[in-house]
């Protein structure tokens, strides 16, 4: 994982089995990027690799980013001891967790 995100070959990360690993993967990707600022993906770009990019890859243009007219699926996250912790989840604009 140290090399791939910085070479431009990683378009999307996806999982159908353990979705929570995607948040951890994005966090790790952003952390790796911060170590190499010239190639930095930063957190928003890392999150896009587990949200917008997979949605677009399968033709789901109504989700994957925060924008007017889209589904409003959101996850509120805080970093605790270097790890992402989910504080809230909204689906279609309604809080579900």
Foldseek 3Di string as FASTA:
>chain_A
DLPVLQPPPQQADEDDPDLVVLQQQLLVLQVSQVVPVVSHCHNVNSQLRHFVRVCVVVPNPQTRDDDPRHQPWDWDWDADPSGTDTDWTDTSNHTDD
